[in-house]
Protein backbone atom coordinates (compact mmCIF):
# COMPACT_ATOMS: atom_id res chain seq x y z
CA MET A 1 25.66 -2.43 36.61
CA ALA A 2 24.74 -6.04 37.29
CA LEU A 3 21.19 -6.83 38.27
CA PHE A 4 22.22 -9.79 40.38
CA LYS A 5 25.41 -9.85 42.36
CA LYS A 6 26.99 -13.26 42.83
CA ARG A 7 27.44 -13.96 46.51
CA THR A 8 30.94 -15.30 46.95
CA VAL A 9 31.15 -15.36 50.73
CA GLY A 10 28.78 -17.36 52.88
CA LYS A 11 27.13 -16.23 56.04
CA PRO A 12 28.48 -17.71 59.26
CA GLY A 13 26.28 -20.62 60.24
CA GLU A 14 25.23 -21.58 56.70
CA TRP A 15 26.29 -25.14 55.93
CA TYR A 16 26.14 -26.95 52.59
CA TYR A 17 26.88 -30.42 51.30
CA CYS A 18 28.95 -30.32 48.10
CA LEU A 19 27.96 -33.07 45.67
CA VAL A 20 31.21 -32.74 43.70
CA HIS A 21 33.66 -32.83 46.60
CA LYS A 22 31.41 -35.03 48.78
CA ARG A 23 31.99 -32.92 51.85
CA VAL A 24 30.38 -30.36 54.14
CA GLU A 25 31.33 -26.74 53.53
CA GLU A 26 30.54 -23.60 55.44
CA GLY A 27 29.27 -20.98 53.08
CA PRO A 28 28.59 -21.38 49.36
CA ASP A 29 32.06 -22.38 48.18
CA CYS A 30 30.74 -24.34 45.19
CA PRO A 31 28.06 -23.43 42.60
CA ALA A 32 24.43 -23.94 43.65
CA LYS A 33 23.97 -26.69 41.05
CA ASP A 34 26.59 -28.75 42.91
CA ARG A 35 25.33 -28.50 46.47
CA PHE A 36 22.49 -29.15 48.90
CA GLY A 37 21.62 -26.57 51.53
CA PRO A 38 21.78 -24.31 53.34
CA TYR A 39 21.51 -26.24 56.57
CA THR A 40 21.53 -24.72 60.04
CA SER A 41 24.31 -26.93 61.38
CA ARG A 42 27.32 -28.91 60.22
CA GLU A 43 25.71 -32.09 61.55
CA GLU A 44 22.55 -31.52 59.53
CA ALA A 45 24.61 -30.97 56.37
CA GLN A 46 26.55 -34.19 57.05
CA HIS A 47 23.26 -36.09 56.71
CA ALA A 48 22.21 -34.38 53.47
CA MET A 49 22.58 -37.53 51.36
CA ASP A 50 20.63 -39.61 53.90
CA LEU A 51 17.81 -37.07 53.84
CA ALA A 52 17.82 -37.07 50.03
CA ARG A 53 17.58 -40.89 49.98
CA GLU A 54 14.67 -40.81 52.45
CA ARG A 55 12.83 -38.19 50.40
CA ASN A 56 13.40 -40.12 47.18
CA LEU A 57 11.96 -43.28 48.79
CA GLU A 58 8.92 -41.34 49.99
CA TRP A 59 8.41 -39.94 46.50
CA GLU A 60 8.84 -43.34 44.84
CA ASN A 61 6.23 -44.85 47.16
CA ASP A 62 3.75 -41.98 46.99
CA PRO A 63 0.68 -43.14 45.02
CA ARG A 64 -0.09 -39.56 43.97
CA TRP A 65 3.01 -39.65 41.73
CA HIS A 66 2.19 -43.00 40.15
CA ASP A 67 -1.19 -42.63 38.47
CA SER A 68 -0.36 -45.34 35.94
CA ARG A 69 -0.54 -48.01 38.67
CA SER A 70 -4.23 -47.31 39.15
CA GLY A 71 -4.90 -48.05 35.47
CA HIS A 72 -5.70 -44.44 34.59
CA THR A 73 -3.86 -42.76 31.77
CA ASP A 74 -3.96 -39.24 30.40
CA GLY A 75 -4.91 -40.45 26.95
CA GLY A 76 -3.07 -37.42 25.52
């Protein structure tokens, strides 16, 4: 008896962006490691890469993630 059952069929209304196929898919057709989501709409999933770029820019410009710029180091 398996402890975790692999879900092979998505729920209606769950949308994902597949990083391998570079397309929007309804339901988890591809492995979780290869997709973003779930999103509540097809349109939202279509903008998954834009949202990822925006979040990466925010992270890159967030001073809390760049302590070395302030001259402080951990000193190990």
